[in-house]
Amino acid sequence: MKIIRAKSFTADSAWGAKDIANMNGITTRLHWTDQPYHWHINDGEEVFVVLDGVVKMLYKEAGIEQSTLLNSGDIFYASVGTEHVAHPQGEARILVIESEGSE
């Protein structure tokens, strides 16, 4: 059993993570960041939940760059092949659920 106080979680560097669970090859990790990630495509599907803060999510649909602002409580689902990058607006805490070993 674990109780995690997400709003007080910090890491030593941007995108630092706390491993919460690995269930049959699906990982759940809590990330802290104050810096953008990089454009990437995951090996599988990804569920990205903003727990604290605001994140500008950029993604490509049919090769065209789109963006949306994710607030606390918002969820971004990246299907297989979705190219995307997260840009936090200040500090953010994000729960990421994805296949083990995904970028």
N, C-alpha and C. Protein backbone atom coordinates (compact mmCIF):
# COMPACT_ATOMS: atom_id res chain seq x y z
N MET A 1 0.83 -1.17 0.00
CA MET A 1 0.00 0.00 0.00
C MET A 1 0.88 1.23 0.00
N LYS A 2 0.46 2.27 -0.72
CA LYS A 2 1.18 3.54 -0.76
C LYS A 2 0.18 4.68 -0.70
N ILE A 3 0.55 5.73 -0.03
CA ILE A 3 -0.18 6.99 -0.10
C ILE A 3 0.83 8.02 -0.59
N ILE A 4 0.51 8.68 -1.67
CA ILE A 4 1.43 9.65 -2.27
C ILE A 4 0.75 11.00 -2.31
N ARG A 5 1.40 11.98 -1.74
CA ARG A 5 0.90 13.36 -1.73
C ARG A 5 1.48 14.06 -2.95
N ALA A 6 0.79 13.98 -4.07
CA ALA A 6 1.30 14.46 -5.34
C ALA A 6 1.67 15.94 -5.32
N LYS A 7 0.88 16.76 -4.66
CA LYS A 7 1.13 18.20 -4.68
C LYS A 7 2.42 18.60 -3.98
N SER A 8 2.96 17.73 -3.13
CA SER A 8 4.21 18.05 -2.45
C SER A 8 5.42 17.35 -3.09
N PHE A 9 5.20 16.56 -4.13
CA PHE A 9 6.28 15.83 -4.78
C PHE A 9 7.15 16.78 -5.61
N THR A 10 8.45 16.67 -5.44
CA THR A 10 9.41 17.37 -6.30
C THR A 10 10.50 16.38 -6.68
N ALA A 11 11.28 16.73 -7.68
CA ALA A 11 12.38 15.88 -8.13
C ALA A 11 13.64 16.74 -8.23
N ASP A 12 14.78 16.08 -8.36
CA ASP A 12 16.05 16.79 -8.46
C ASP A 12 16.23 17.50 -9.80
N SER A 13 15.52 17.02 -10.81
CA SER A 13 15.63 17.63 -12.14
C SER A 13 14.29 17.51 -12.86
N ALA A 14 14.16 18.30 -13.91
CA ALA A 14 12.91 18.28 -14.69
C ALA A 14 12.62 16.87 -15.19
N TRP A 15 11.38 16.48 -15.10
CA TRP A 15 10.85 15.18 -15.51
C TRP A 15 11.33 14.04 -14.61
N GLY A 16 11.87 14.40 -13.45
CA GLY A 16 12.18 13.38 -12.46
C GLY A 16 10.88 12.68 -12.07
N ALA A 17 10.99 11.40 -11.70
CA ALA A 17 9.77 10.63 -11.47
C ALA A 17 9.85 9.77 -10.23
N LYS A 18 8.68 9.49 -9.70
CA LYS A 18 8.49 8.53 -8.62
C LYS A 18 7.69 7.37 -9.21
N ASP A 19 8.27 6.18 -9.18
CA ASP A 19 7.56 5.00 -9.66
C ASP A 19 6.48 4.64 -8.65
N ILE A 20 5.27 4.52 -9.13
CA ILE A 20 4.14 4.17 -8.26
C ILE A 20 3.79 2.70 -8.40
N ALA A 21 3.66 2.23 -9.63
CA ALA A 21 3.27 0.83 -9.83
C ALA A 21 3.69 0.35 -11.21
N ASN A 22 3.90 -0.97 -11.30
CA ASN A 22 4.09 -1.64 -12.58
C ASN A 22 3.13 -2.82 -12.56
N MET A 23 2.11 -2.72 -13.38
CA MET A 23 1.08 -3.76 -13.41
C MET A 23 1.10 -4.43 -14.78
N ASN A 24 1.69 -5.62 -14.82
CA ASN A 24 1.77 -6.40 -16.06
C ASN A 24 2.38 -5.60 -17.20
N GLY A 25 3.47 -4.88 -16.92
CA GLY A 25 4.18 -4.13 -17.96
C GLY A 25 3.64 -2.75 -18.23
N ILE A 26 2.65 -2.31 -17.48
CA ILE A 26 2.12 -0.95 -17.59
C ILE A 26 2.59 -0.17 -16.37
N THR A 27 3.35 0.90 -16.59
CA THR A 27 3.88 1.66 -15.48
C THR A 27 3.03 2.89 -15.18
N THR A 28 2.99 3.22 -13.91
CA THR A 28 2.35 4.45 -13.44
C THR A 28 3.43 5.22 -12.70
N ARG A 29 3.69 6.45 -13.16
CA ARG A 29 4.76 7.26 -12.58
C ARG A 29 4.26 8.68 -12.36
N LEU A 30 4.72 9.26 -11.27
CA LEU A 30 4.44 10.66 -10.96
C LEU A 30 5.67 11.46 -11.34
N HIS A 31 5.47 12.46 -12.21
CA HIS A 31 6.57 13.31 -12.67
C HIS A 31 6.41 14.71 -12.12
N TRP A 32 7.54 15.32 -11.83
CA TRP A 32 7.59 16.75 -11.51
C TRP A 32 8.43 17.40 -12.58
N THR A 33 8.01 18.58 -13.04
CA THR A 33 8.82 19.30 -14.02
C THR A 33 8.50 20.77 -14.01
N ASP A 34 9.46 21.53 -14.48
CA ASP A 34 9.27 22.95 -14.74
C ASP A 34 9.89 23.32 -16.09
N GLN A 35 10.19 22.28 -16.87
CA GLN A 35 10.82 22.45 -18.19
C GLN A 35 10.09 21.60 -19.23
N PRO A 36 10.11 22.03 -20.49
CA PRO A 36 9.50 21.22 -21.55
C PRO A 36 10.20 19.87 -21.71
N TYR A 37 9.47 18.90 -22.22
CA TYR A 37 10.05 17.61 -22.58
C TYR A 37 10.60 17.77 -24.00
N HIS A 38 10.57 16.76 -24.82
CA HIS A 38 10.97 16.87 -26.22
C HIS A 38 9.95 16.12 -27.07
N TRP A 39 9.87 16.50 -28.33
CA TRP A 39 8.94 15.82 -29.23
C TRP A 39 9.28 14.33 -29.23
N HIS A 40 8.25 13.48 -29.12
CA HIS A 40 8.48 12.05 -29.12
C HIS A 40 7.20 11.30 -29.48
N ILE A 41 7.39 10.04 -29.80
CA ILE A 41 6.29 9.10 -30.05
C ILE A 41 6.53 7.92 -29.13
N ASN A 42 5.56 7.58 -28.32
CA ASN A 42 5.69 6.45 -27.40
C ASN A 42 5.60 5.13 -28.14
N ASP A 43 6.12 4.09 -27.49
CA ASP A 43 6.04 2.74 -28.07
C ASP A 43 4.62 2.21 -28.07
N GLY A 44 3.78 2.75 -27.20
CA GLY A 44 2.39 2.31 -27.09
C GLY A 44 1.52 3.50 -26.73
N GLU A 45 0.39 3.22 -26.13
CA GLU A 45 -0.52 4.28 -25.72
C GLU A 45 0.00 4.94 -24.44
N GLU A 46 -0.44 6.17 -24.21
CA GLU A 46 -0.04 6.90 -23.00
C GLU A 46 -1.23 7.69 -22.47
N VAL A 47 -1.41 7.64 -21.15
CA VAL A 47 -2.39 8.47 -20.48
C VAL A 47 -1.60 9.45 -19.63
N PHE A 48 -1.87 10.74 -19.81
CA PHE A 48 -1.11 11.84 -19.22
C PHE A 48 -2.10 12.69 -18.43
N VAL A 49 -1.98 12.69 -17.10
CA VAL A 49 -2.95 13.37 -16.23
C VAL A 49 -2.25 14.50 -15.48
N VAL A 50 -2.71 15.72 -15.66
CA VAL A 50 -2.15 16.86 -14.92
C VAL A 50 -2.80 16.86 -13.53
N LEU A 51 -1.97 16.64 -12.52
CA LEU A 51 -2.45 16.63 -11.14
C LEU A 51 -2.34 18.01 -10.50
N ASP A 52 -1.33 18.77 -10.92
CA ASP A 52 -1.08 20.08 -10.33
C ASP A 52 -0.36 20.93 -11.36
N GLY A 53 -0.82 22.14 -11.58
CA GLY A 53 -0.19 23.03 -12.53
C GLY A 53 -0.94 23.09 -13.85
N VAL A 54 -0.28 23.69 -14.82
CA VAL A 54 -0.85 23.85 -16.16
C VAL A 54 0.21 23.41 -17.17
N VAL A 55 -0.21 22.66 -18.18
CA VAL A 55 0.70 22.15 -19.20
C VAL A 55 0.13 22.46 -20.58
N LYS A 56 0.96 23.06 -21.42
CA LYS A 56 0.58 23.23 -22.82
C LYS A 56 1.06 21.99 -23.55
N MET A 57 0.12 21.23 -24.11
CA MET A 57 0.45 20.01 -24.83
C MET A 57 0.39 20.29 -26.32
N LEU A 58 1.50 20.05 -26.99
CA LEU A 58 1.56 20.16 -28.44
C LEU A 58 1.55 18.76 -29.01
N TYR A 59 0.84 18.56 -30.10
CA TYR A 59 0.75 17.24 -30.71
C TYR A 59 0.48 17.41 -32.20
N LYS A 60 0.71 16.37 -32.95
CA LYS A 60 0.50 16.43 -34.39
C LYS A 60 -0.62 15.48 -34.80
N GLU A 61 -1.54 16.02 -35.60
CA GLU A 61 -2.62 15.24 -36.20
C GLU A 61 -2.49 15.40 -37.70
N ALA A 62 -2.33 14.27 -38.39
CA ALA A 62 -2.13 14.28 -39.84
C ALA A 62 -0.99 15.21 -40.22
N GLY A 63 0.07 15.23 -39.40
CA GLY A 63 1.24 16.03 -39.68
C GLY A 63 1.12 17.51 -39.34
N ILE A 64 -0.04 17.92 -38.85
CA ILE A 64 -0.27 19.35 -38.54
C ILE A 64 -0.18 19.54 -37.03
N GLU A 65 0.66 20.49 -36.62
CA GLU A 65 0.84 20.76 -35.20
C GLU A 65 -0.40 21.42 -34.60
N GLN A 66 -0.84 20.88 -33.48
CA GLN A 66 -1.97 21.39 -32.71
C GLN A 66 -1.50 21.64 -31.29
N SER A 67 -2.29 22.35 -30.50
CA SER A 67 -1.95 22.49 -29.09
C SER A 67 -3.22 22.66 -28.27
N THR A 68 -3.10 22.32 -27.00
CA THR A 68 -4.19 22.50 -26.06
C THR A 68 -3.59 22.79 -24.70
N LEU A 69 -4.31 23.52 -23.89
CA LEU A 69 -3.87 23.83 -22.54
C LEU A 69 -4.55 22.86 -21.57
N LEU A 70 -3.75 22.14 -20.80
CA LEU A 70 -4.26 21.18 -19.84
C LEU A 70 -4.12 21.76 -18.44
N ASN A 71 -5.21 21.82 -17.73
CA ASN A 71 -5.23 22.30 -16.35
C ASN A 71 -5.28 21.12 -15.39
N SER A 72 -5.12 21.40 -14.12
CA SER A 72 -5.20 20.37 -13.09
C SER A 72 -6.50 19.58 -13.25
N GLY A 73 -6.37 18.27 -13.33
CA GLY A 73 -7.54 17.41 -13.52
C GLY A 73 -7.77 17.00 -14.95
N ASP A 74 -7.10 17.64 -15.91
CA ASP A 74 -7.28 17.30 -17.32
C ASP A 74 -6.42 16.10 -17.71
N ILE A 75 -6.90 15.35 -18.70
CA ILE A 75 -6.25 14.13 -19.16
C ILE A 75 -6.00 14.22 -20.65
N PHE A 76 -4.78 13.86 -21.07
CA PHE A 76 -4.41 13.78 -22.49
C PHE A 76 -4.13 12.31 -22.79
N TYR A 77 -4.78 11.77 -23.81
CA TYR A 77 -4.56 10.39 -24.23
C TYR A 77 -3.82 10.42 -25.55
N ALA A 78 -2.63 9.81 -25.57
CA ALA A 78 -1.86 9.71 -26.81
C ALA A 78 -1.99 8.28 -27.33
N SER A 79 -2.67 8.13 -28.44
CA SER A 79 -2.80 6.81 -29.06
C SER A 79 -1.46 6.43 -29.69
N VAL A 80 -1.33 5.19 -30.10
CA VAL A 80 -0.10 4.72 -30.73
C VAL A 80 0.22 5.61 -31.93
N GLY A 81 1.45 6.12 -31.98
CA GLY A 81 1.88 6.94 -33.11
C GLY A 81 1.65 8.44 -32.96
N THR A 82 1.07 8.87 -31.83
CA THR A 82 0.81 10.29 -31.63
C THR A 82 2.10 11.00 -31.23
N GLU A 83 2.61 11.86 -32.08
CA GLU A 83 3.79 12.65 -31.75
C GLU A 83 3.35 13.82 -30.88
N HIS A 84 4.05 14.04 -29.76
CA HIS A 84 3.62 15.06 -28.81
C HIS A 84 4.78 15.55 -27.96
N VAL A 85 4.55 16.70 -27.31
CA VAL A 85 5.52 17.26 -26.38
C VAL A 85 4.76 18.10 -25.36
N ALA A 86 5.18 18.01 -24.10
CA ALA A 86 4.53 18.75 -23.01
C ALA A 86 5.40 19.94 -22.61
N HIS A 87 4.76 21.10 -22.49
CA HIS A 87 5.42 22.33 -22.05
C HIS A 87 4.71 22.84 -20.79
N PRO A 88 5.26 22.55 -19.61
CA PRO A 88 4.63 23.06 -18.39
C PRO A 88 4.71 24.58 -18.35
N GLN A 89 3.70 25.18 -17.77
CA GLN A 89 3.67 26.63 -17.59
C GLN A 89 4.00 26.88 -16.11
N GLY A 90 5.28 26.86 -15.77
CA GLY A 90 5.70 26.87 -14.38
C GLY A 90 5.87 25.43 -13.92
N GLU A 91 5.73 25.18 -12.63
CA GLU A 91 5.84 23.82 -12.10
C GLU A 91 4.58 23.02 -12.39
N ALA A 92 4.78 21.72 -12.65
CA ALA A 92 3.63 20.83 -12.86
C ALA A 92 3.96 19.45 -12.30
N ARG A 93 2.91 18.78 -11.87
CA ARG A 93 3.00 17.40 -11.42
C ARG A 93 2.04 16.59 -12.29
N ILE A 94 2.59 15.54 -12.87
CA ILE A 94 1.87 14.82 -13.92
C ILE A 94 1.93 13.32 -13.64
N LEU A 95 0.80 12.66 -13.74
CA LEU A 95 0.74 11.21 -13.63
C LEU A 95 0.76 10.64 -15.06
N VAL A 96 1.71 9.75 -15.32
CA VAL A 96 1.83 9.16 -16.66
C VAL A 96 1.68 7.64 -16.54
N ILE A 97 0.78 7.10 -17.35
CA ILE A 97 0.52 5.67 -17.39
C ILE A 97 0.85 5.22 -18.81
N GLU A 98 1.81 4.27 -18.92
CA GLU A 98 2.27 3.85 -20.24
C GLU A 98 2.96 2.50 -20.15
N SER A 99 3.28 1.93 -21.31
CA SER A 99 3.99 0.66 -21.35
C SER A 99 5.38 0.83 -20.75
N GLU A 100 5.82 -0.15 -20.01
CA GLU A 100 7.14 -0.11 -19.40
C GLU A 100 8.21 0.11 -20.47
N GLY A 101 9.14 1.01 -20.19
CA GLY A 101 10.23 1.30 -21.13
C GLY A 101 9.90 2.35 -22.16
N SER A 102 8.66 2.85 -22.19
CA SER A 102 8.31 3.92 -23.13
C SER A 102 9.09 5.17 -22.78
N GLU A 103 9.27 6.01 -23.75
CA GLU A 103 10.01 7.25 -23.57
C GLU A 103 9.23 8.25 -22.77
